Amino acid sequence: MSMPSRVKIVEVSPRDGLQNEKQIVPTDVKVELVDRLTQAGFPNVEATSFVSPKWVPQMADAAEVMARIQRRPGVVYSVLTPNMKGFDAARAAGADEVVIFGAASEAFSQKNINCSIAESLERFAPVAEAAKAAGIRLRGSISTALGCPYQGDVPIEDVVRVARTFMDMGCDEIDVADTIGVGTPQHVRNVMRAVTAHVDPARVSGHFHDTYGQALANILAALETDIAIFHTSVAGLGGCPYAKGATGNVATEDVLYMLRGLNIETGVDFDAVVDIGQWMAAHLDRKGSSRAGNAVAAKRAA
């Protein structure tokens, strides 16, 4: 089974990892987190989100975070932009990439944003056009691609339909996201093969949550279908809002440890990432959920 020799890791802890935190994380800490991540070698960091502070208070300081980070040449700083107001703010803040999103599940779309998938994607068309006109990278994220908290199974053709729409909008990259972490390896293979029949695998990424402990196995399955971009979060930051007490994003440290064992290059400094994960977990006053990170930290302390 052939696998990519190099993988791009998109570090999402500053945005996806922190947005569900109940305590507001100080701007200084967010800025330091982004800077430490880029120093560790991540080529792409999801830095913040330009959303209404009424809906996501944690991201109210988005413009300040973007203004204060130490930009490293060659690093792509991504931000989430749900509408034109968000896009204008992201452009003013110098974002390298804007992220739009749509659900593969009709029930999820209705419950989350009170409109159909088709309507939600239509709303993003002006953002996509503006990004392309401004020469800003555009990423489309497909949520609930492997299962939905409301409708359960999500037909693969629905995932493909959203992927094709994103491609038609000009997305440079398309995320297949297991929002609630219910996917298993064979299902991941089936979905990725279906999507990459229409989209170049080099433009498809896997975004896996570890709610059911399947994220690493799912990444391995995706690697087997030529996917070479994955989203991860240091210390596994980012809870799953649909499963009480469940972990959210797969921990970066665990993914790096596995990839190192597979001789797959990432360009990211594993030891530096362990330090960042331990520092961030300590700031949030809890233990991080990275098995590899905690094991390495315990070994160092022994």
Protein backbone atom coordinates (compact mmCIF):
# COMPACT_ATOMS: atom_id res chain seq x y z
CA MET A 1 0.00 0.00 0.00
CA SER A 2 1.65 3.25 -1.13
CA MET A 3 1.48 6.31 1.09
CA PRO A 4 2.62 9.91 0.71
CA SER A 5 6.26 10.48 1.72
CA ARG A 6 5.41 13.91 3.07
CA VAL A 7 2.31 15.26 4.81
CA LYS A 8 1.16 18.82 5.45
CA ILE A 9 -0.17 19.38 8.96
CA VAL A 10 -2.65 22.25 9.38
CA GLU A 11 -2.57 23.22 13.06
CA VAL A 12 -6.06 24.28 14.14
CA SER A 13 -5.70 24.74 17.92
CA PRO A 14 -5.79 28.57 17.93
CA ARG A 15 -9.20 28.54 16.23
CA ASP A 16 -10.96 25.17 16.32
CA GLY A 17 -9.17 24.18 19.51
CA LEU A 18 -9.97 27.28 21.55
CA GLN A 19 -13.38 28.35 20.23
CA ASN A 20 -15.32 26.02 22.54
CA GLU A 21 -13.35 26.95 25.67
CA LYS A 22 -15.68 28.45 28.26
CA GLN A 23 -12.97 30.62 29.84
CA ILE A 24 -11.78 33.45 27.64
CA VAL A 25 -8.15 32.85 26.74
CA PRO A 26 -6.11 36.10 26.94
CA THR A 27 -5.01 37.58 23.62
CA ASP A 28 -1.36 37.40 24.74
CA VAL A 29 -1.67 33.62 25.11
CA LYS A 30 -3.33 33.23 21.70
CA VAL A 31 -0.59 35.27 20.05
CA GLU A 32 2.11 33.25 21.80
CA LEU A 33 0.39 30.01 20.78
CA VAL A 34 0.35 30.99 17.10
CA ASP A 35 3.97 32.18 17.23
CA ARG A 36 5.21 29.06 18.98
CA LEU A 37 3.40 26.87 16.46
CA THR A 38 4.99 28.59 13.47
CA GLN A 39 8.42 28.41 15.16
CA ALA A 40 7.86 24.64 15.50
CA GLY A 41 7.59 24.39 11.72
CA PHE A 42 3.86 24.25 10.89
CA PRO A 43 3.36 25.47 7.33
CA ASN A 44 -0.29 26.39 7.91
CA VAL A 45 -1.93 27.62 11.13
CA GLU A 46 -5.63 28.30 11.56
CA ALA A 47 -5.12 31.47 13.57
CA THR A 48 -8.59 32.74 14.42
CA SER A 49 -12.13 33.29 13.22
CA PHE A 50 -13.88 36.46 12.04
CA VAL A 51 -17.33 35.64 13.39
CA SER A 52 -19.80 37.63 15.43
CA PRO A 53 -18.46 37.96 19.01
CA LYS A 54 -22.06 37.48 20.11
CA TRP A 55 -21.95 33.90 18.81
CA VAL A 56 -18.32 33.09 19.56
CA PRO A 57 -17.02 35.42 22.31
CA GLN A 58 -13.67 33.58 22.36
CA MET A 59 -12.85 34.94 18.90
CA ALA A 60 -13.75 38.59 19.62
CA ASP A 61 -10.04 39.57 19.51
CA ALA A 62 -9.44 38.15 16.00
CA ALA A 63 -8.14 41.41 14.50
CA GLU A 64 -5.79 42.01 17.44
CA VAL A 65 -4.41 38.45 17.26
CA MET A 66 -3.71 38.86 13.53
CA ALA A 67 -2.08 42.26 14.11
CA ARG A 68 0.25 41.02 16.84
CA ILE A 69 1.49 37.63 15.59
CA GLN A 70 5.06 37.43 14.26
CA ARG A 71 4.53 36.54 10.60
CA ARG A 72 6.92 33.89 9.39
CA PRO A 73 7.68 33.85 5.66
CA GLY A 74 6.04 30.99 3.83
CA VAL A 75 3.51 30.23 6.57
CA VAL A 76 -0.17 30.32 5.59
CA TYR A 77 -2.30 31.98 8.28
CA SER A 78 -5.92 30.86 7.83
CA VAL A 79 -9.08 32.35 9.30
CA LEU A 80 -12.72 31.28 9.28
CA THR A 81 -15.05 33.71 7.47
CA PRO A 82 -18.80 32.96 7.58
CA ASN A 83 -19.90 35.99 5.53
CA MET A 84 -18.73 39.10 3.65
CA LYS A 85 -18.37 41.11 6.86
CA GLY A 86 -16.01 38.41 8.14
CA PHE A 87 -14.18 38.32 4.82
CA ASP A 88 -13.63 42.09 4.77
CA ALA A 89 -12.24 41.95 8.31
CA ALA A 90 -10.02 38.98 7.41
CA ARG A 91 -8.67 40.75 4.34
CA ALA A 92 -7.95 43.91 6.35
CA ALA A 93 -6.12 41.74 8.90
CA GLY A 94 -3.90 40.22 6.21
CA ALA A 95 -5.19 36.65 6.25
CA ASP A 96 -3.47 34.38 3.72
CA GLU A 97 -6.40 32.00 3.47
CA VAL A 98 -10.10 32.23 4.26
CA VAL A 99 -12.19 29.21 5.19
CA ILE A 100 -15.83 28.73 4.24
CA PHE A 101 -17.86 25.78 5.41
CA GLY A 102 -20.89 23.70 4.56
CA ALA A 103 -22.45 20.59 6.04
CA ALA A 104 -22.91 17.33 4.16
CA SER A 105 -25.92 16.65 6.41
CA GLU A 106 -29.18 18.45 5.64
CA ALA A 107 -30.37 18.02 9.24
CA PHE A 108 -27.14 19.52 10.62
CA SER A 109 -27.39 22.51 8.27
CA GLN A 110 -30.98 23.21 9.33
CA LYS A 111 -30.23 22.85 13.06
CA ASN A 112 -26.98 24.78 12.97
CA ILE A 113 -27.64 27.68 10.65
CA ASN A 114 -31.35 27.36 9.94
CA CYS A 115 -31.12 26.84 6.18
CA SER A 116 -30.58 24.11 3.63
CA ILE A 117 -27.13 23.00 2.43
CA ALA A 118 -27.80 24.62 -0.96
CA GLU A 119 -28.80 27.93 0.68
CA SER A 120 -25.76 27.87 2.98
CA LEU A 121 -23.41 27.33 0.04
CA GLU A 122 -25.09 30.13 -1.91
CA ARG A 123 -24.34 32.49 0.98
CA PHE A 124 -20.64 31.70 0.59
CA ALA A 125 -20.50 32.44 -3.15
CA PRO A 126 -19.74 36.18 -2.64
CA VAL A 127 -16.98 35.32 -0.14
CA ALA A 128 -15.46 32.84 -2.60
CA GLU A 129 -15.62 35.37 -5.44
CA ALA A 130 -14.07 38.09 -3.28
CA ALA A 131 -11.25 35.80 -2.13
CA LYS A 132 -10.43 34.80 -5.68
CA ALA A 133 -10.50 38.44 -6.85
CA ALA A 134 -8.19 39.45 -3.99
CA GLY A 135 -5.76 36.58 -4.63
CA ILE A 136 -6.41 35.09 -1.19
CA ARG A 137 -6.36 31.31 -0.81
CA LEU A 138 -9.79 29.74 -0.36
CA ARG A 139 -10.53 26.60 1.64
CA GLY A 140 -13.88 24.84 1.86
CA SER A 141 -14.66 22.66 4.85
CA ILE A 142 -17.30 19.91 4.67
CA SER A 143 -18.64 19.28 8.17
CA THR A 144 -20.44 16.07 9.25
CA ALA A 145 -18.90 14.23 6.28
CA LEU A 146 -18.83 10.91 8.14
CA GLY A 147 -21.91 11.19 10.32
CA CYS A 148 -24.37 13.62 11.84
CA PRO A 149 -25.60 14.02 15.45
CA TYR A 150 -29.16 14.53 14.18
CA GLN A 151 -29.68 12.32 11.12
CA GLY A 152 -27.01 9.66 11.76
CA ASP A 153 -25.58 8.32 8.50
CA VAL A 154 -24.69 10.82 5.78
CA PRO A 155 -24.90 9.53 2.18
CA ILE A 156 -21.52 9.65 0.45
CA GLU A 157 -23.08 11.29 -2.61
CA ASP A 158 -24.06 14.25 -0.39
CA VAL A 159 -20.42 14.70 0.65
CA VAL A 160 -19.34 14.54 -3.00
CA ARG A 161 -21.99 17.11 -3.99
CA VAL A 162 -20.65 19.65 -1.46
CA ALA A 163 -17.05 18.92 -2.52
CA ARG A 164 -17.92 19.54 -6.17
CA THR A 165 -19.69 22.79 -5.27
CA PHE A 166 -16.62 23.96 -3.36
CA MET A 167 -14.43 23.01 -6.30
CA ASP A 168 -16.69 25.00 -8.67
CA MET A 169 -16.35 28.00 -6.31
CA GLY A 170 -12.58 27.84 -6.77
CA CYS A 171 -11.51 26.33 -3.46
CA ASP A 172 -7.77 25.62 -3.36
CA GLU A 173 -8.28 22.99 -0.67
CA ILE A 174 -11.29 21.00 0.54
CA ASP A 175 -11.55 19.52 4.03
CA VAL A 176 -13.46 16.32 4.68
CA ALA A 177 -14.37 16.74 8.35
CA ASP A 178 -15.59 14.11 10.79
CA THR A 179 -17.18 16.74 13.03
CA ILE A 180 -18.44 14.30 15.66
CA GLY A 181 -15.71 11.69 15.36
CA VAL A 182 -17.93 8.73 14.43
CA GLY A 183 -16.04 7.62 11.32
CA THR A 184 -14.18 4.32 11.06
CA PRO A 185 -11.35 3.39 8.65
CA GLN A 186 -13.33 1.61 5.92
CA HIS A 187 -15.91 4.40 5.88
CA VAL A 188 -13.08 6.95 5.60
CA ARG A 189 -11.57 5.05 2.65
CA ASN A 190 -14.95 4.95 0.90
CA VAL A 191 -15.62 8.66 1.41
CA MET A 192 -12.12 9.77 0.40
CA ARG A 193 -12.13 7.59 -2.72
CA ALA A 194 -15.51 9.02 -3.74
CA VAL A 195 -14.37 12.62 -3.19
CA THR A 196 -11.02 12.15 -4.94
CA ALA A 197 -12.78 10.72 -7.97
CA HIS A 198 -13.87 14.36 -8.55
CA VAL A 199 -11.22 16.41 -6.72
CA ASP A 200 -7.43 16.09 -7.02
CA PRO A 201 -6.29 14.21 -3.84
CA ALA A 202 -3.53 16.85 -3.44
CA ARG A 203 -6.29 19.37 -2.67
CA VAL A 204 -8.20 17.22 -0.16
CA SER A 205 -7.54 17.19 3.57
CA GLY A 206 -8.77 15.06 6.46
CA HIS A 207 -10.11 16.68 9.63
CA PHE A 208 -10.76 13.97 12.20
CA HIS A 209 -12.14 14.19 15.70
CA ASP A 210 -11.25 11.53 18.23
CA THR A 211 -14.60 11.23 20.01
CA TYR A 212 -14.71 7.44 19.56
CA GLY A 213 -10.94 6.92 19.57
CA GLN A 214 -10.78 6.33 15.80
CA ALA A 215 -8.89 9.41 14.60
CA LEU A 216 -5.40 7.89 14.17
CA ALA A 217 -6.82 4.81 12.45
CA ASN A 218 -8.87 7.11 10.21
CA ILE A 219 -5.80 9.17 9.30
CA LEU A 220 -3.97 5.97 8.39
CA ALA A 221 -6.91 4.94 6.19
CA ALA A 222 -6.89 8.36 4.52
CA LEU A 223 -3.13 8.13 3.90
CA GLU A 224 -3.84 4.88 2.03
CA THR A 225 -6.08 6.85 -0.36
CA ASP A 226 -3.30 9.39 -1.12
CA ILE A 227 -4.55 12.12 1.22
CA ALA A 228 -1.53 14.11 2.40
CA ILE A 229 -3.05 17.03 4.36
CA PHE A 230 -4.41 16.65 7.88
CA HIS A 231 -5.78 19.01 10.51
CA THR A 232 -4.63 18.50 14.09
CA SER A 233 -4.73 20.37 17.39
CA VAL A 234 -1.99 20.45 20.07
CA ALA A 235 -2.93 18.58 23.25
CA GLY A 236 -6.16 17.54 21.48
CA LEU A 237 -7.67 20.96 22.26
CA GLY A 238 -11.25 21.44 21.17
CA GLY A 239 -14.08 19.53 22.76
CA CYS A 240 -16.90 18.00 20.78
CA PRO A 241 -20.07 20.00 21.48
CA TYR A 242 -22.34 17.08 20.60
CA ALA A 243 -20.91 14.45 22.91
CA LYS A 244 -20.62 15.41 26.55
CA GLY A 245 -17.09 15.05 27.87
CA ALA A 246 -15.80 13.72 24.55
CA THR A 247 -12.48 14.76 23.12
CA GLY A 248 -12.51 16.83 19.98
CA ASN A 249 -9.71 17.27 17.49
CA VAL A 250 -7.07 14.60 17.14
CA ALA A 251 -3.93 15.58 19.08
CA THR A 252 -1.07 16.87 16.95
CA GLU A 253 1.53 15.09 19.09
CA ASP A 254 -0.15 11.70 18.51
CA VAL A 255 -0.33 12.24 14.75
CA LEU A 256 3.32 13.38 14.55
CA TYR A 257 4.41 10.35 16.58
CA MET A 258 2.55 8.00 14.22
CA LEU A 259 3.84 9.72 11.07
CA ARG A 260 7.40 9.58 12.37
CA GLY A 261 6.96 5.83 12.82
CA LEU A 262 5.82 5.61 9.19
CA ASN A 263 8.86 7.62 8.00
CA ILE A 264 6.56 10.32 6.67
CA GLU A 265 8.06 13.83 6.72
CA THR A 266 6.15 16.82 8.12
CA GLY A 267 8.84 19.43 8.75
CA VAL A 268 7.40 19.92 12.25
CA ASP A 269 9.51 19.66 15.43
CA PHE A 270 7.83 16.95 17.55
CA ASP A 271 9.59 17.91 20.81
CA ALA A 272 8.65 21.56 20.41
CA VAL A 273 5.02 20.53 19.86
CA VAL A 274 5.05 18.43 23.05
CA ASP A 275 6.25 21.54 24.92
CA ILE A 276 3.53 23.70 23.37
CA GLY A 277 0.82 21.16 24.22
CA GLN A 278 1.94 20.88 27.84
CA TRP A 279 2.18 24.68 28.18
CA MET A 280 -1.27 25.25 26.70
CA ALA A 281 -2.91 22.51 28.77
CA ALA A 282 -1.34 23.98 31.92
CA HIS A 283 -2.69 27.40 31.00
CA LEU A 284 -6.18 25.91 30.69
CA ASP A 285 -5.61 24.19 34.05
CA ARG A 286 -6.10 20.64 32.84
CA LYS A 287 -4.24 17.74 31.37
CA GLY A 288 -4.00 17.65 27.59
CA SER A 289 -5.56 14.67 25.82
CA SER A 290 -2.48 13.76 23.76
CA ARG A 291 -1.28 10.27 24.73
CA ALA A 292 2.11 10.78 23.07
CA GLY A 293 2.54 14.27 24.50
CA ASN A 294 1.72 13.19 28.04
CA ALA A 295 3.93 10.09 27.77
CA VAL A 296 6.93 12.12 26.57
CA ALA A 297 6.34 14.77 29.27
CA ALA A 298 6.16 12.06 31.98
CA LYS A 299 9.35 10.45 30.70
CA ARG A 300 11.15 13.81 30.79
CA ALA A 301 9.98 14.43 34.36
CA ALA A 302 11.04 10.98 35.57
